[in-house]
Amino acid sequence: MKRYYAILLSGILVLGIAAVFAAPAIHRIWKQPPPPQPAAKQTPRYTAGQQAILTEMIRIIHREMSMQVFYASGHMDAHNPADSGNDLHAVFTCSRRGQEYYYRVGAQEMVALSGLFITINHDLRKMTIGESQQLMVPSLVPEADLEKMWEGEDYEITADTLQSKVKMRFLCERHVSCKEFRMEYDTAVGLPSLLYMRMTDLADPLNKDADRIYQLTVDEWRTDAQPGLFVAAQYVSGGKDHWVPAGRFTGYELTTSY
């Protein structure tokens, strides 16, 4: 389950959540194609109210995807009934400053700086340092294209609003990849406070009890980055030929990957 750290953070926070639903063969597994019918006038799949909810969800996700500088913290949970011994329940921190990134999930920490790439395992008290790496971040998809990705979907779309709190739900129990997606946000902030996905187990697609659950709860959003997270001296001192763990990492075992 620990391998889902990067999926949850880069796929949900640093973006690309709409890709979860982009399944061209969406109902091919459980539905036979209908017999040919005479051409009929096309009616919208969603009502005007549902379309408005979908448009708003995409607007918020797109804003999140567009942020070049941000700081977010909270906790994440992941549950796979087939591998419940590796369930994930961890606190996270995620920040971006242009092409520099910082992540921490539980005891794992990573920082990609201009010129340096550092990973830290606090449980093992180990650090690895190397040259900067170009992280793969999902491309920004135009809002109109994101909406088109949903045109063939059969989600039941609902939303509830209590004062400034909005809860959206997208439900389709026969979806080939994601049966349920939920998003909560505060209209005053305009960014997600909760993202929930119930993913289909393709080995047992009709069994709801086999679905995998991923949830990200954001306790704090900021539209700036904590400067200290992107200062190399907070992690190491010295230089390429003789790096030494610094500050709170003093005493950690350090290896280089140059």
Protein backbone atom coordinates (compact mmCIF):
# COMPACT_ATOMS: atom_id res chain seq x y z
CA MET A 1 0.00 0.00 0.00
CA LYS A 2 2.89 2.35 0.59
CA ARG A 3 3.41 2.51 -3.16
CA TYR A 4 0.23 4.60 -3.42
CA TYR A 5 1.90 7.58 -1.68
CA ALA A 6 3.07 9.05 -4.96
CA ILE A 7 -0.18 8.25 -6.72
CA LEU A 8 -2.25 10.01 -4.10
CA LEU A 9 -0.03 13.07 -3.82
CA SER A 10 0.94 13.69 -7.42
CA GLY A 11 -2.30 12.34 -8.86
CA ILE A 12 -4.66 14.16 -6.52
CA LEU A 13 -2.80 17.14 -5.13
CA VAL A 14 -0.37 18.04 -7.87
CA LEU A 15 -3.05 17.07 -10.26
CA GLY A 16 -4.66 14.79 -12.73
CA ILE A 17 -7.69 13.53 -10.87
CA ALA A 18 -9.85 13.67 -13.97
CA ALA A 19 -7.69 10.94 -15.51
CA VAL A 20 -9.20 8.50 -13.02
CA PHE A 21 -12.44 8.68 -14.94
CA ALA A 22 -11.04 8.67 -18.47
CA ALA A 23 -11.89 5.09 -19.36
CA PRO A 24 -12.79 4.77 -23.08
CA ALA A 25 -14.17 1.26 -22.55
CA ILE A 26 -16.15 2.35 -19.55
CA HIS A 27 -19.00 -0.19 -19.64
CA ARG A 28 -17.49 -2.77 -21.98
CA ILE A 29 -16.93 -5.21 -19.14
CA TRP A 30 -20.50 -5.44 -17.89
CA LYS A 31 -22.74 -4.21 -20.69
CA GLN A 32 -23.37 -5.75 -24.09
CA PRO A 33 -23.74 -3.20 -26.89
CA PRO A 34 -27.41 -2.45 -27.59
CA PRO A 35 -28.92 -3.47 -30.95
CA PRO A 36 -28.84 -0.82 -33.66
CA GLN A 37 -31.58 1.77 -33.31
CA PRO A 38 -32.86 4.43 -35.67
CA ALA A 39 -31.11 7.74 -35.25
CA ALA A 40 -32.76 9.78 -32.57
CA LYS A 41 -32.37 13.29 -31.29
CA GLN A 42 -29.59 13.39 -28.71
CA THR A 43 -30.58 14.50 -25.22
CA PRO A 44 -28.08 15.77 -22.65
CA ARG A 45 -26.79 13.03 -20.37
CA TYR A 46 -26.96 15.33 -17.37
CA THR A 47 -29.60 17.77 -16.23
CA ALA A 48 -28.74 21.46 -16.11
CA GLY A 49 -28.26 21.17 -12.35
CA GLN A 50 -25.94 18.16 -12.66
CA GLN A 51 -23.97 19.88 -15.41
CA ALA A 52 -23.51 22.90 -13.16
CA ILE A 53 -22.10 20.65 -10.40
CA LEU A 54 -19.75 18.97 -12.87
CA THR A 55 -18.58 22.31 -14.25
CA GLU A 56 -17.87 23.61 -10.76
CA MET A 57 -15.94 20.48 -9.78
CA ILE A 58 -13.78 20.79 -12.89
CA ARG A 59 -13.21 24.50 -12.24
CA ILE A 60 -11.90 23.77 -8.74
CA ILE A 61 -9.71 20.87 -9.88
CA HIS A 62 -8.36 22.98 -12.74
CA ARG A 63 -7.50 25.80 -10.35
CA GLU A 64 -5.63 23.33 -8.17
CA MET A 65 -3.80 21.97 -11.20
CA SER A 66 -2.78 25.47 -12.25
CA MET A 67 -1.14 26.46 -8.96
CA GLN A 68 2.58 27.03 -9.34
CA VAL A 69 3.02 27.86 -5.65
CA PHE A 70 1.09 26.24 -2.81
CA TYR A 71 1.31 24.52 0.54
CA ALA A 72 -1.11 21.85 1.74
CA SER A 73 -1.21 19.56 4.76
CA GLY A 74 -3.61 16.99 6.14
CA HIS A 75 -3.91 13.23 6.23
CA MET A 76 -4.47 10.40 3.79
CA ASP A 77 -6.06 7.01 4.12
CA ALA A 78 -6.05 4.03 1.77
CA HIS A 79 -7.74 0.68 2.17
CA ASN A 80 -7.48 -2.39 -0.05
CA PRO A 81 -9.64 -5.29 1.21
CA ALA A 82 -7.33 -7.72 -0.57
CA ASP A 83 -4.28 -6.38 1.31
CA SER A 84 -5.65 -4.81 4.47
CA GLY A 85 -2.41 -5.45 6.38
CA ASN A 86 -0.86 -2.62 4.38
CA ASP A 87 -3.61 -0.05 4.85
CA LEU A 88 -2.33 3.50 4.86
CA HIS A 89 -3.15 6.10 7.51
CA ALA A 90 -0.64 8.93 7.45
CA VAL A 91 -0.17 12.66 7.87
CA PHE A 92 1.09 14.46 4.76
CA THR A 93 2.61 17.76 3.74
CA CYS A 94 2.91 18.82 0.11
CA SER A 95 4.29 22.04 -1.32
CA ARG A 96 5.32 23.43 -4.67
CA ARG A 97 7.36 26.45 -5.67
CA GLY A 98 7.62 26.54 -9.44
CA GLN A 99 9.69 23.51 -10.43
CA GLU A 100 10.66 22.73 -6.83
CA TYR A 101 8.60 20.26 -4.82
CA TYR A 102 8.39 19.04 -1.26
CA TYR A 103 6.48 16.00 0.01
CA ARG A 104 6.24 14.32 3.37
CA VAL A 105 4.03 11.31 4.07
CA GLY A 106 4.45 9.74 7.47
CA ALA A 107 8.14 8.98 7.97
CA GLN A 108 9.05 9.52 4.31
CA GLU A 109 10.25 12.90 3.10
CA MET A 110 11.35 14.13 -0.31
CA VAL A 111 12.50 17.48 -1.60
CA ALA A 112 13.37 18.34 -5.20
CA LEU A 113 15.39 21.54 -5.30
CA SER A 114 17.19 23.37 -8.06
CA GLY A 115 20.38 21.29 -8.20
CA LEU A 116 19.56 18.75 -5.48
CA PHE A 117 17.20 15.82 -4.95
CA ILE A 118 16.92 14.55 -1.36
CA THR A 119 14.96 11.63 0.06
CA ILE A 120 14.71 10.89 3.79
CA ASN A 121 13.50 7.88 5.76
CA HIS A 122 12.99 8.97 9.35
CA ASP A 123 12.29 5.45 10.62
CA LEU A 124 15.68 4.26 9.37
CA ARG A 125 17.39 7.62 9.95
CA LYS A 126 18.74 7.56 6.41
CA MET A 127 19.13 10.21 3.70
CA THR A 128 19.95 9.96 0.01
CA ILE A 129 21.14 12.95 -1.96
CA GLY A 130 21.74 13.34 -5.66
CA GLU A 131 21.44 15.70 -8.58
CA SER A 132 18.10 17.35 -9.21
CA GLN A 133 15.54 15.28 -11.06
CA GLN A 134 12.75 16.41 -13.35
CA LEU A 135 9.57 15.23 -11.67
CA MET A 136 6.77 14.01 -13.88
CA VAL A 137 3.75 16.23 -13.19
CA PRO A 138 0.46 15.66 -15.04
CA SER A 139 -0.09 18.09 -17.88
CA LEU A 140 -2.69 20.79 -17.45
CA VAL A 141 -5.79 19.82 -19.42
CA PRO A 142 -8.12 22.61 -20.58
CA GLU A 143 -11.37 22.80 -18.63
CA ALA A 144 -13.44 22.23 -21.79
CA ASP A 145 -11.51 19.03 -22.51
CA LEU A 146 -12.02 17.82 -18.96
CA GLU A 147 -15.76 18.28 -19.36
CA LYS A 148 -15.73 16.32 -22.61
CA MET A 149 -14.07 13.44 -20.79
CA TRP A 150 -17.27 13.11 -18.79
CA GLU A 151 -19.72 13.16 -21.68
CA GLY A 152 -19.90 9.39 -21.92
CA GLU A 153 -20.08 8.77 -18.18
CA ASP A 154 -23.12 7.48 -16.31
CA TYR A 155 -22.50 9.08 -12.95
CA GLU A 156 -25.35 10.07 -10.71
CA ILE A 157 -24.31 13.59 -9.70
CA THR A 158 -25.51 15.25 -6.52
CA ALA A 159 -24.39 18.09 -4.28
CA ASP A 160 -25.34 19.42 -0.87
CA THR A 161 -24.53 22.89 0.46
CA LEU A 162 -24.54 23.99 4.09
CA GLN A 163 -23.56 27.63 4.43
CA SER A 164 -20.14 27.80 2.71
CA LYS A 165 -19.51 24.02 2.73
CA VAL A 166 -20.21 22.09 -0.47
CA LYS A 167 -20.23 18.29 -0.78
CA MET A 168 -20.27 16.77 -4.27
CA ARG A 169 -20.83 13.11 -5.10
CA PHE A 170 -20.40 11.22 -8.38
CA LEU A 171 -21.75 7.65 -8.19
CA CYS A 172 -21.85 4.81 -10.73
CA GLU A 173 -21.75 1.30 -9.27
CA ARG A 174 -20.94 -0.25 -12.67
CA HIS A 175 -18.04 2.05 -13.51
CA VAL A 176 -14.99 0.20 -14.78
CA SER A 177 -12.46 2.22 -12.79
CA CYS A 178 -13.98 4.57 -10.19
CA LYS A 179 -17.41 3.76 -8.81
CA GLU A 180 -17.62 6.74 -6.50
CA PHE A 181 -15.88 10.08 -6.31
CA ARG A 182 -16.56 12.69 -3.65
CA MET A 183 -15.20 16.18 -3.22
CA GLU A 184 -15.80 18.68 -0.45
CA TYR A 185 -14.74 22.30 -0.44
CA ASP A 186 -15.36 25.63 1.23
CA THR A 187 -16.55 28.31 -1.17
CA ALA A 188 -14.44 30.88 0.70
CA VAL A 189 -11.28 28.91 -0.12
CA GLY A 190 -12.20 27.42 -3.48
CA LEU A 191 -9.92 24.39 -3.07
CA PRO A 192 -10.72 20.79 -2.07
CA SER A 193 -10.83 19.93 1.62
CA LEU A 194 -11.65 16.27 0.97
CA LEU A 195 -11.15 13.97 -2.01
CA TYR A 196 -12.53 10.42 -1.87
CA MET A 197 -12.32 7.67 -4.47
CA ARG A 198 -13.82 4.18 -4.37
CA MET A 199 -11.98 2.22 -7.04
CA THR A 200 -13.18 -0.92 -8.80
CA ASP A 201 -11.35 -4.20 -8.21
CA LEU A 202 -11.18 -5.56 -11.76
CA ALA A 203 -10.69 -9.08 -10.40
CA ASP A 204 -14.14 -8.85 -8.79
CA PRO A 205 -15.80 -5.79 -10.34
CA LEU A 206 -19.37 -6.32 -9.12
CA ASN A 207 -18.37 -6.91 -5.51
CA LYS A 208 -18.68 -3.61 -3.67
CA ASP A 209 -16.87 -5.06 -0.65
CA ALA A 210 -13.75 -5.57 -2.82
CA ASP A 211 -13.50 -1.91 -3.85
CA ARG A 212 -10.35 0.00 -2.84
CA ILE A 213 -10.82 3.23 -0.91
CA TYR A 214 -8.56 6.28 -1.14
CA GLN A 215 -9.23 9.45 0.82
CA LEU A 216 -7.27 12.66 1.12
CA THR A 217 -8.30 15.21 3.76
CA VAL A 218 -6.70 18.64 3.49
CA ASP A 219 -6.62 20.54 6.79
CA GLU A 220 -4.71 23.56 5.46
CA TRP A 221 -4.32 25.15 2.04
CA ARG A 222 -2.03 28.10 1.44
CA THR A 223 -1.31 29.90 -1.79
CA ASP A 224 2.30 30.41 -0.80
CA ALA A 225 5.09 27.98 0.02
CA GLN A 226 6.94 27.66 3.31
CA PRO A 227 10.35 29.08 2.33
CA GLY A 228 12.26 26.88 4.77
CA LEU A 229 11.16 23.73 2.94
CA PHE A 230 13.20 24.75 -0.12
CA VAL A 231 16.47 25.72 1.55
CA ALA A 232 19.18 23.09 1.05
CA ALA A 233 20.96 24.12 4.27
CA GLN A 234 17.94 22.91 6.23
CA TYR A 235 18.84 19.36 5.14
CA VAL A 236 22.58 19.19 4.39
CA SER A 237 25.78 21.20 4.58
CA GLY A 238 29.05 20.94 2.68
CA GLY A 239 29.17 20.28 -1.04
CA LYS A 240 29.05 17.62 -3.73
CA ASP A 241 32.27 15.98 -2.56
CA HIS A 242 31.37 15.99 1.12
CA TRP A 243 27.70 16.36 2.02
CA VAL A 244 26.84 16.15 5.73
CA PRO A 245 23.34 15.91 7.27
CA ALA A 246 22.46 19.22 8.93
CA GLY A 247 20.11 20.50 11.62
CA ARG A 248 17.46 18.01 12.67
CA PHE A 249 19.04 15.39 10.42
CA THR A 250 22.37 15.38 12.23
CA GLY A 251 23.38 11.79 12.87
CA TYR A 252 21.43 10.37 9.90
CA GLU A 253 23.25 7.97 7.58
CA LEU A 254 23.78 9.68 4.22
CA THR A 255 24.44 8.13 0.83
CA THR A 256 24.91 9.89 -2.50
CA SER A 257 23.57 8.87 -5.89
CA TYR A 258 25.72 11.00 -8.18
